[in-house]
Amino acid sequence: LEFNIHEGGMTKEQAISYMMRGGFQSKVEAERNWDRIALLPGEGVYAYVGFQELLELEKQYRQLKGADYSRKEFLEKVLSFGPIHLRQLKKKLFP
């Protein structure tokens, strides 16, 4: 959606209609999302990029632990640091 708004020529009306139909949003919610998308290009992909980076950290952690790897242990360790930037998380996971 974001790409179509910024690069594909999707109009405000088309985007709002799409969000209402496909995203089950009210008109007010869709208009708010339009404003956010229009004012903050690229913001919608932050979570996806962060998730991909976290998957890469998990892959590295799994390689480090080998047969002792446990996804539960990895996630508990990640969560134990609280809200933290991924660069700092990497330093804590791999001192």
PDB file of N, CA and C in Angstrom:
ATOM      1  N   LEU A   1       0.827  -1.187   0.000  1.00  0.00           N
ATOM      2  CA  LEU A   1       0.000   0.000   0.000  1.00  0.00           C
ATOM      3  C   LEU A   1       0.872   1.251   0.000  1.00  0.00           C
ATOM      4  N   GLU A   2       1.851   1.258   0.902  1.00  0.00           N
ATOM      5  CA  GLU A   2       2.722   2.434   0.980  1.00  0.00           C
ATOM      6  C   GLU A   2       3.414   2.708  -0.346  1.00  0.00           C
ATOM      7  N   PHE A   3       3.942   1.666  -0.948  1.00  0.00           N
ATOM      8  CA  PHE A   3       4.629   1.837  -2.230  1.00  0.00           C
ATOM      9  C   PHE A   3       3.666   2.399  -3.275  1.00  0.00           C
ATOM     10  N   ASN A   4       2.460   1.845  -3.328  1.00  0.00           N
ATOM     11  CA  ASN A   4       1.487   2.314  -4.316  1.00  0.00           C
ATOM     12  C   ASN A   4       1.097   3.764  -4.084  1.00  0.00           C
ATOM     13  N   ILE A   5       1.080   4.190  -2.840  1.00  0.00           N
ATOM     14  CA  ILE A   5       0.750   5.585  -2.541  1.00  0.00           C
ATOM     15  C   ILE A   5       1.878   6.503  -2.992  1.00  0.00           C
ATOM     16  N   HIS A   6       3.107   6.149  -2.649  1.00  0.00           N
ATOM     17  CA  HIS A   6       4.235   7.044  -2.923  1.00  0.00           C
ATOM     18  C   HIS A   6       4.804   6.910  -4.331  1.00  0.00           C
ATOM     19  N   GLU A   7       4.740   5.728  -4.903  1.00  0.00           N
ATOM     20  CA  GLU A   7       5.375   5.513  -6.205  1.00  0.00           C
ATOM     21  C   GLU A   7       4.413   5.062  -7.293  1.00  0.00           C
ATOM     22  N   GLY A   8       3.292   4.496  -6.902  1.00  0.00           N
ATOM     23  CA  GLY A   8       2.391   3.911  -7.894  1.00  0.00           C
ATOM     24  C   GLY A   8       1.224   4.782  -8.294  1.00  0.00           C
ATOM     25  N   GLY A   9       1.117   5.951  -7.696  1.00  0.00           N
ATOM     26  CA  GLY A   9       0.064   6.862  -8.096  1.00  0.00           C
ATOM     27  C   GLY A   9      -1.301   6.579  -7.497  1.00  0.00           C
ATOM     28  N   MET A  10      -1.368   5.785  -6.429  1.00  0.00           N
ATOM     29  CA  MET A  10      -2.651   5.526  -5.781  1.00  0.00           C
ATOM     30  C   MET A  10      -3.150   6.821  -5.140  1.00  0.00           C
ATOM     31  N   THR A  11      -4.388   7.154  -5.402  1.00  0.00           N
ATOM     32  CA  THR A  11      -4.952   8.383  -4.846  1.00  0.00           C
ATOM     33  C   THR A  11      -5.391   8.169  -3.401  1.00  0.00           C
ATOM     34  N   LYS A  12      -5.643   9.262  -2.718  1.00  0.00           N
ATOM     35  CA  LYS A  12      -6.131   9.193  -1.339  1.00  0.00           C
ATOM     36  C   LYS A  12      -7.438   8.406  -1.284  1.00  0.00           C
ATOM     37  N   GLU A  13      -8.334   8.682  -2.191  1.00  0.00           N
ATOM     38  CA  GLU A  13      -9.629   8.000  -2.210  1.00  0.00           C
ATOM     39  C   GLU A  13      -9.464   6.501  -2.453  1.00  0.00           C
ATOM     40  N   GLN A  14      -8.582   6.135  -3.367  1.00  0.00           N
ATOM     41  CA  GLN A  14      -8.336   4.715  -3.645  1.00  0.00           C
ATOM     42  C   GLN A  14      -7.743   4.022  -2.421  1.00  0.00           C
ATOM     43  N   ALA A  15      -6.795   4.677  -1.772  1.00  0.00           N
ATOM     44  CA  ALA A  15      -6.149   4.085  -0.603  1.00  0.00           C
ATOM     45  C   ALA A  15      -7.145   3.906   0.537  1.00  0.00           C
ATOM     46  N   ILE A  16      -7.957   4.909   0.782  1.00  0.00           N
ATOM     47  CA  ILE A  16      -8.949   4.817   1.860  1.00  0.00           C
ATOM     48  C   ILE A  16      -9.947   3.708   1.562  1.00  0.00           C
ATOM     49  N   SER A  17     -10.403   3.630   0.333  1.00  0.00           N
ATOM     50  CA  SER A  17     -11.330   2.567  -0.060  1.00  0.00           C
ATOM     51  C   SER A  17     -10.691   1.194   0.137  1.00  0.00           C
ATOM     52  N   TYR A  18      -9.443   1.067  -0.262  1.00  0.00           N
ATOM     53  CA  TYR A  18      -8.717  -0.198  -0.115  1.00  0.00           C
ATOM     54  C   TYR A  18      -8.600  -0.589   1.357  1.00  0.00           C
ATOM     55  N   MET A  19      -8.237   0.367   2.205  1.00  0.00           N
ATOM     56  CA  MET A  19      -8.087   0.071   3.635  1.00  0.00           C
ATOM     57  C   MET A  19      -9.422  -0.294   4.271  1.00  0.00           C
ATOM     58  N   MET A  20     -10.487   0.325   3.818  1.00  0.00           N
ATOM     59  CA  MET A  20     -11.805   0.015   4.364  1.00  0.00           C
ATOM     60  C   MET A  20     -12.259  -1.378   3.926  1.00  0.00           C
ATOM     61  N   ARG A  21     -12.017  -1.728   2.670  1.00  0.00           N
ATOM     62  CA  ARG A  21     -12.431  -3.034   2.160  1.00  0.00           C
ATOM     63  C   ARG A  21     -11.496  -4.146   2.622  1.00  0.00           C
ATOM     64  N   GLY A  22     -10.210  -3.964   2.382  1.00  0.00           N
ATOM     65  CA  GLY A  22      -9.243  -5.024   2.661  1.00  0.00           C
ATOM     66  C   GLY A  22      -8.719  -5.047   4.078  1.00  0.00           C
ATOM     67  N   GLY A  23      -8.766  -3.908   4.743  1.00  0.00           N
ATOM     68  CA  GLY A  23      -8.228  -3.829   6.095  1.00  0.00           C
ATOM     69  C   GLY A  23      -9.295  -3.738   7.161  1.00  0.00           C
ATOM     70  N   PHE A  24     -10.557  -3.784   6.721  1.00  0.00           N
ATOM     71  CA  PHE A  24     -11.693  -3.734   7.640  1.00  0.00           C
ATOM     72  C   PHE A  24     -11.586  -2.550   8.594  1.00  0.00           C
ATOM     73  N   GLN A  25     -11.214  -1.410   8.052  1.00  0.00           N
ATOM     74  CA  GLN A  25     -11.069  -0.202   8.853  1.00  0.00           C
ATOM     75  C   GLN A  25     -12.258   0.719   8.610  1.00  0.00           C
ATOM     76  N   SER A  26     -12.582   1.491   9.636  1.00  0.00           N
ATOM     77  CA  SER A  26     -13.607   2.512   9.449  1.00  0.00           C
ATOM     78  C   SER A  26     -13.017   3.618   8.576  1.00  0.00           C
ATOM     79  N   LYS A  27     -13.869   4.493   8.093  1.00  0.00           N
ATOM     80  CA  LYS A  27     -13.382   5.593   7.259  1.00  0.00           C
ATOM     81  C   LYS A  27     -12.420   6.474   8.050  1.00  0.00           C
ATOM     82  N   VAL A  28     -12.733   6.729   9.322  1.00  0.00           N
ATOM     83  CA  VAL A  28     -11.866   7.564  10.165  1.00  0.00           C
ATOM     84  C   VAL A  28     -10.497   6.907  10.339  1.00  0.00           C
ATOM     85  N   GLU A  29     -10.475   5.594  10.610  1.00  0.00           N
ATOM     86  CA  GLU A  29      -9.202   4.876  10.757  1.00  0.00           C
ATOM     87  C   GLU A  29      -8.399   4.931   9.462  1.00  0.00           C
ATOM     88  N   ALA A  30      -9.073   4.701   8.347  1.00  0.00           N
ATOM     89  CA  ALA A  30      -8.389   4.709   7.052  1.00  0.00           C
ATOM     90  C   ALA A  30      -7.821   6.095   6.741  1.00  0.00           C
ATOM     91  N   GLU A  31      -8.569   7.139   7.081  1.00  0.00           N
ATOM     92  CA  GLU A  31      -8.070   8.500   6.847  1.00  0.00           C
ATOM     93  C   GLU A  31      -6.854   8.795   7.723  1.00  0.00           C
ATOM     94  N   ARG A  32      -6.887   8.331   8.969  1.00  0.00           N
ATOM     95  CA  ARG A  32      -5.722   8.510   9.854  1.00  0.00           C
ATOM     96  C   ARG A  32      -4.510   7.778   9.296  1.00  0.00           C
ATOM     97  N   ASN A  33      -4.741   6.555   8.821  1.00  0.00           N
ATOM     98  CA  ASN A  33      -3.629   5.795   8.242  1.00  0.00           C
ATOM     99  C   ASN A  33      -3.097   6.477   6.990  1.00  0.00           C
ATOM    100  N   TRP A  34      -3.985   7.037   6.180  1.00  0.00           N
ATOM    101  CA  TRP A  34      -3.537   7.792   5.007  1.00  0.00           C
ATOM    102  C   TRP A  34      -2.610   8.919   5.433  1.00  0.00           C
ATOM    103  N   ASP A  35      -3.027   9.675   6.455  1.00  0.00           N
ATOM    104  CA  ASP A  35      -2.212  10.799   6.926  1.00  0.00           C
ATOM    105  C   ASP A  35      -0.838  10.320   7.385  1.00  0.00           C
ATOM    106  N   ARG A  36      -0.816   9.212   8.139  1.00  0.00           N
ATOM    107  CA  ARG A  36       0.450   8.672   8.631  1.00  0.00           C
ATOM    108  C   ARG A  36       1.342   8.247   7.470  1.00  0.00           C
ATOM    109  N   ILE A  37       0.765   7.528   6.524  1.00  0.00           N
ATOM    110  CA  ILE A  37       1.537   7.045   5.376  1.00  0.00           C
ATOM    111  C   ILE A  37       2.044   8.215   4.532  1.00  0.00           C
ATOM    112  N   ALA A  38       1.188   9.208   4.318  1.00  0.00           N
ATOM    113  CA  ALA A  38       1.566  10.349   3.482  1.00  0.00           C
ATOM    114  C   ALA A  38       2.652  11.192   4.143  1.00  0.00           C
ATOM    115  N   LEU A  39       2.577  11.336   5.468  1.00  0.00           N
ATOM    116  CA  LEU A  39       3.529  12.195   6.173  1.00  0.00           C
ATOM    117  C   LEU A  39       4.829  11.495   6.553  1.00  0.00           C
ATOM    118  N   LEU A  40       4.786  10.168   6.678  1.00  0.00           N
ATOM    119  CA  LEU A  40       5.963   9.415   7.129  1.00  0.00           C
ATOM    120  C   LEU A  40       6.300   8.295   6.141  1.00  0.00           C
ATOM    121  N   PRO A  41       6.761   8.630   4.942  1.00  0.00           N
ATOM    122  CA  PRO A  41       7.071   7.582   3.974  1.00  0.00           C
ATOM    123  C   PRO A  41       8.125   6.618   4.511  1.00  0.00           C
ATOM    124  N   GLY A  42       7.870   5.341   4.312  1.00  0.00           N
ATOM    125  CA  GLY A  42       8.816   4.323   4.755  1.00  0.00           C
ATOM    126  C   GLY A  42       8.581   3.830   6.164  1.00  0.00           C
ATOM    127  N   GLU A  43       7.820   4.558   6.961  1.00  0.00           N
ATOM    128  CA  GLU A  43       7.609   4.198   8.363  1.00  0.00           C
ATOM    129  C   GLU A  43       6.918   2.845   8.501  1.00  0.00           C
ATOM    130  N   GLY A  44       6.084   2.509   7.546  1.00  0.00           N
ATOM    131  CA  GLY A  44       5.338   1.261   7.616  1.00  0.00           C
ATOM    132  C   GLY A  44       6.198   0.013   7.517  1.00  0.00           C
ATOM    133  N   VAL A  45       7.410   0.135   7.005  1.00  0.00           N
ATOM    134  CA  VAL A  45       8.264  -1.044   6.848  1.00  0.00           C
ATOM    135  C   VAL A  45       9.245  -1.227   8.006  1.00  0.00           C
ATOM    136  N   TYR A  46       9.273  -0.293   8.935  1.00  0.00           N
ATOM    137  CA  TYR A  46      10.225  -0.398  10.047  1.00  0.00           C
ATOM    138  C   TYR A  46      10.093  -1.723  10.792  1.00  0.00           C
ATOM    139  N   ALA A  47       8.863  -2.096  11.135  1.00  0.00           N
ATOM    140  CA  ALA A  47       8.661  -3.333  11.893  1.00  0.00           C
ATOM    141  C   ALA A  47       9.136  -4.545  11.097  1.00  0.00           C
ATOM    142  N   TYR A  48       8.860  -4.555   9.800  1.00  0.00           N
ATOM    143  CA  TYR A  48       9.279  -5.676   8.961  1.00  0.00           C
ATOM    144  C   TYR A  48      10.801  -5.774   8.905  1.00  0.00           C
ATOM    145  N   VAL A  49      11.454  -4.655   8.721  1.00  0.00           N
ATOM    146  CA  VAL A  49      12.921  -4.646   8.653  1.00  0.00           C
ATOM    147  C   VAL A  49      13.502  -5.112   9.984  1.00  0.00           C
ATOM    148  N   GLY A  50      12.951  -4.624  11.084  1.00  0.00           N
ATOM    149  CA  GLY A  50      13.413  -5.049  12.402  1.00  0.00           C
ATOM    150  C   GLY A  50      13.222  -6.540  12.615  1.00  0.00           C
ATOM    151  N   PHE A  51      12.094  -7.061  12.158  1.00  0.00           N
ATOM    152  CA  PHE A  51      11.823  -8.492  12.275  1.00  0.00           C
ATOM    153  C   PHE A  51      12.848  -9.297  11.492  1.00  0.00           C
ATOM    154  N   GLN A  52      13.177  -8.848  10.287  1.00  0.00           N
ATOM    155  CA  GLN A  52      14.176  -9.543   9.476  1.00  0.00           C
ATOM    156  C   GLN A  52      15.545  -9.524  10.158  1.00  0.00           C
ATOM    157  N   GLU A  53      15.882  -8.401  10.770  1.00  0.00           N
ATOM    158  CA  GLU A  53      17.159  -8.303  11.487  1.00  0.00           C
ATOM    159  C   GLU A  53      17.168  -9.227  12.698  1.00  0.00           C
ATOM    160  N   LEU A  54      16.037  -9.328  13.382  1.00  0.00           N
ATOM    161  CA  LEU A  54      15.947 -10.226  14.531  1.00  0.00           C
ATOM    162  C   LEU A  54      16.088 -11.682  14.091  1.00  0.00           C
ATOM    163  N   LEU A  55      15.497 -12.033  12.959  1.00  0.00           N
ATOM    164  CA  LEU A  55      15.663 -13.391  12.430  1.00  0.00           C
ATOM    165  C   LEU A  55      17.129 -13.687  12.125  1.00  0.00           C
ATOM    166  N   GLU A  56      17.846 -12.697  11.613  1.00  0.00           N
ATOM    167  CA  GLU A  56      19.269 -12.873  11.326  1.00  0.00           C
ATOM    168  C   GLU A  56      20.056 -13.069  12.620  1.00  0.00           C
ATOM    169  N   LEU A  57      19.714 -12.315  13.662  1.00  0.00           N
ATOM    170  CA  LEU A  57      20.376 -12.503  14.960  1.00  0.00           C
ATOM    171  C   LEU A  57      20.099 -13.897  15.503  1.00  0.00           C
ATOM    172  N   GLU A  58      18.876 -14.364  15.333  1.00  0.00           N
ATOM    173  CA  GLU A  58      18.542 -15.706  15.799  1.00  0.00           C
ATOM    174  C   GLU A  58      19.356 -16.753  15.043  1.00  0.00           C
ATOM    175  N   LYS A  59      19.525 -16.566  13.759  1.00  0.00           N
ATOM    176  CA  LYS A  59      20.324 -17.496  12.948  1.00  0.00           C
ATOM    177  C   LYS A  59      21.764 -17.544  13.458  1.00  0.00           C
ATOM    178  N   GLN A  60      22.338 -16.380  13.728  1.00  0.00           N
ATOM    179  CA  GLN A  60      23.703 -16.319  14.247  1.00  0.00           C
ATOM    180  C   GLN A  60      23.792 -16.967  15.626  1.00  0.00           C
ATOM    181  N   TYR A  61      22.793 -16.738  16.461  1.00  0.00           N
ATOM    182  CA  TYR A  61      22.768 -17.314  17.805  1.00  0.00           C
ATOM    183  C   TYR A  61      22.663 -18.842  17.716  1.00  0.00           C
ATOM    184  N   ARG A  62      21.845 -19.325  16.787  1.00  0.00           N
ATOM    185  CA  ARG A  62      21.688 -20.769  16.591  1.00  0.00           C
ATOM    186  C   ARG A  62      23.013 -21.385  16.160  1.00  0.00           C
ATOM    187  N   GLN A  63      23.741 -20.704  15.273  1.00  0.00           N
ATOM    188  CA  GLN A  63      25.047 -21.211  14.835  1.00  0.00           C
ATOM    189  C   GLN A  63      26.038 -21.235  15.996  1.00  0.00           C
ATOM    190  N   LEU A  64      25.983 -20.219  16.837  1.00  0.00           N
ATOM    191  CA  LEU A  64      26.874 -20.142  17.988  1.00  0.00           C
ATOM    192  C   LEU A  64      26.604 -21.273  18.979  1.00  0.00           C
ATOM    193  N   LYS A  65      25.330 -21.542  19.238  1.00  0.00           N
ATOM    194  CA  LYS A  65      24.948 -22.544  20.240  1.00  0.00           C
ATOM    195  C   LYS A  65      24.992 -23.971  19.710  1.00  0.00           C
ATOM    196  N   GLY A  66      24.858 -24.126  18.401  1.00  0.00           N
ATOM    197  CA  GLY A  66      24.887 -25.466  17.820  1.00  0.00           C
ATOM    198  C   GLY A  66      23.772 -26.342  18.358  1.00  0.00           C
ATOM    199  N   ALA A  67      24.129 -27.546  18.809  1.00  0.00           N
ATOM    200  CA  ALA A  67      23.146 -28.512  19.304  1.00  0.00           C
ATOM    201  C   ALA A  67      22.456 -28.033  20.575  1.00  0.00           C
ATOM    202  N   ASP A  68      23.057 -27.085  21.282  1.00  0.00           N
ATOM    203  CA  ASP A  68      22.461 -26.572  22.518  1.00  0.00           C
ATOM    204  C   ASP A  68      21.437 -25.460  22.270  1.00  0.00           C
ATOM    205  N   TYR A  69      21.194 -25.129  20.999  1.00  0.00           N
ATOM    206  CA  TYR A  69      20.271 -24.041  20.683  1.00  0.00           C
ATOM    207  C   TYR A  69      18.846 -24.388  21.106  1.00  0.00           C
ATOM    208  N   SER A  70      18.190 -23.413  21.710  1.00  0.00           N
ATOM    209  CA  SER A  70      16.779 -23.526  22.067  1.00  0.00           C
ATOM    210  C   SER A  70      16.108 -22.204  21.709  1.00  0.00           C
ATOM    211  N   ARG A  71      15.074 -22.278  20.895  1.00  0.00           N
ATOM    212  CA  ARG A  71      14.380 -21.041  20.511  1.00  0.00           C
ATOM    213  C   ARG A  71      13.775 -20.366  21.736  1.00  0.00           C
ATOM    214  N   LYS A  72      13.241 -21.165  22.637  1.00  0.00           N
ATOM    215  CA  LYS A  72      12.664 -20.611  23.865  1.00  0.00           C
ATOM    216  C   LYS A  72      13.727 -19.836  24.641  1.00  0.00           C
ATOM    217  N   GLU A  73      14.895 -20.419  24.774  1.00  0.00           N
ATOM    218  CA  GLU A  73      15.993 -19.753  25.483  1.00  0.00           C
ATOM    219  C   GLU A  73      16.392 -18.456  24.770  1.00  0.00           C
ATOM    220  N   PHE A  74      16.472 -18.516  23.435  1.00  0.00           N
ATOM    221  CA  PHE A  74      16.827 -17.326  22.668  1.00  0.00           C
ATOM    222  C   PHE A  74      15.820 -16.209  22.912  1.00  0.00           C
ATOM    223  N   LEU A  75      14.536 -16.520  22.788  1.00  0.00           N
ATOM    224  CA  LEU A  75      13.505 -15.498  22.958  1.00  0.00           C
ATOM    225  C   LEU A  75      13.477 -14.956  24.382  1.00  0.00           C
ATOM    226  N   GLU A  76      13.651 -15.836  25.367  1.00  0.00           N
ATOM    227  CA  GLU A  76      13.690 -15.372  26.758  1.00  0.00           C
ATOM    228  C   GLU A  76      14.875 -14.436  26.981  1.00  0.00           C
ATOM    229  N   LYS A  77      16.000 -14.777  26.393  1.00  0.00           N
ATOM    230  CA  LYS A  77      17.186 -13.933  26.532  1.00  0.00           C
ATOM    231  C   LYS A  77      16.951 -12.572  25.880  1.00  0.00           C
ATOM    232  N   VAL A  78      16.399 -12.576  24.671  1.00  0.00           N
ATOM    233  CA  VAL A  78      16.104 -11.319  23.972  1.00  0.00           C
ATOM    234  C   VAL A  78      15.158 -10.467  24.805  1.00  0.00           C
ATOM    235  N   LEU A  79      14.094 -11.063  25.303  1.00  0.00           N
ATOM    236  CA  LEU A  79      13.107 -10.313  26.083  1.00  0.00           C
ATOM    237  C   LEU A  79      13.661  -9.835  27.416  1.00  0.00           C
ATOM    238  N   SER A  80      14.650 -10.531  27.943  1.00  0.00           N
ATOM    239  CA  SER A  80      15.211 -10.145  29.245  1.00  0.00           C
ATOM    240  C   SER A  80      15.894  -8.781  29.204  1.00  0.00           C
ATOM    241  N   PHE A  81      16.282  -8.332  28.018  1.00  0.00           N
ATOM    242  CA  PHE A  81      16.953  -7.037  27.887  1.00  0.00           C
ATOM    243  C   PHE A  81      15.968  -5.875  27.799  1.00  0.00           C
ATOM    244  N   GLY A  82      14.680  -6.177  27.686  1.00  0.00           N
ATOM    245  CA  GLY A  82      13.679  -5.119  27.584  1.00  0.00           C
ATOM    246  C   GLY A  82      13.786  -4.402  26.252  1.00  0.00           C
ATOM    247  N   PRO A  83      13.169  -3.214  26.166  1.00  0.00           N
ATOM    248  CA  PRO A  83      13.247  -2.459  24.907  1.00  0.00           C
ATOM    249  C   PRO A  83      14.690  -2.039  24.644  1.00  0.00           C
ATOM    250  N   ILE A  84      15.210  -2.461  23.519  1.00  0.00           N
ATOM    251  CA  ILE A  84      16.623  -2.218  23.231  1.00  0.00           C
ATOM    252  C   ILE A  84      16.811  -2.122  21.719  1.00  0.00           C
ATOM    253  N   HIS A  85      17.716  -1.274  21.301  1.00  0.00           N
ATOM    254  CA  HIS A  85      18.033  -1.155  19.875  1.00  0.00           C
ATOM    255  C   HIS A  85      18.717  -2.439  19.424  1.00  0.00           C
ATOM    256  N   LEU A  86      18.487  -2.839  18.191  1.00  0.00           N
ATOM    257  CA  LEU A  86      19.044  -4.097  17.696  1.00  0.00           C
ATOM    258  C   LEU A  86      20.568  -4.130  17.730  1.00  0.00           C
ATOM    259  N   ARG A  87      21.224  -2.997  17.525  1.00  0.00           N
ATOM    260  CA  ARG A  87      22.696  -2.980  17.608  1.00  0.00           C
ATOM    261  C   ARG A  87      23.161  -3.327  19.018  1.00  0.00           C
ATOM    262  N   GLN A  88      22.454  -2.793  20.010  1.00  0.00           N
ATOM    263  CA  GLN A  88      22.812  -3.091  21.396  1.00  0.00           C
ATOM    264  C   GLN A  88      22.492  -4.545  21.732  1.00  0.00           C
ATOM    265  N   LEU A  89      21.375  -5.036  21.215  1.00  0.00           N
ATOM    266  CA  LEU A  89      21.005  -6.429  21.444  1.00  0.00           C
ATOM    267  C   LEU A  89      22.087  -7.354  20.904  1.00  0.00           C
ATOM    268  N   LYS A  90      22.588  -7.056  19.724  1.00  0.00           N
ATOM    269  CA  LYS A  90      23.638  -7.890  19.128  1.00  0.00           C
ATOM    270  C   LYS A  90      24.877  -7.913  20.021  1.00  0.00           C
ATOM    271  N   LYS A  91      25.247  -6.767  20.574  1.00  0.00           N
ATOM    272  CA  LYS A  91      26.414  -6.711  21.464  1.00  0.00           C
ATOM    273  C   LYS A  91      26.194  -7.545  22.718  1.00  0.00           C
ATOM    274  N   LYS A  92      24.962  -7.575  23.215  1.00  0.00           N
ATOM    275  CA  LYS A  92      24.674  -8.349  24.420  1.00  0.00           C
ATOM    276  C   LYS A  92      24.610  -9.848  24.129  1.00  0.00           C
ATOM    277  N   LEU A  93      24.098 -10.200  22.957  1.00  0.00           N
ATOM    278  CA  LEU A  93      24.009 -11.615  22.598  1.00  0.00           C
ATOM    279  C   LEU A  93      25.370 -12.204  22.241  1.00  0.00           C
ATOM    280  N   PHE A  94      26.234 -11.369  21.658  1.00  0.00           N
ATOM    281  CA  PHE A  94      27.546 -11.833  21.202  1.00  0.00           C
ATOM    282  C   PHE A  94      28.632 -10.916  21.756  1.00  0.00           C
ATOM    283  N   PRO A  95      28.888 -10.997  23.070  1.00  0.00           N
ATOM    284  CA  PRO A  95      29.879 -10.076  23.681  1.00  0.00           C
ATOM    285  C   PRO A  95      31.295 -10.323  23.181  1.00  0.00           C
TER     286      PRO A  95
END
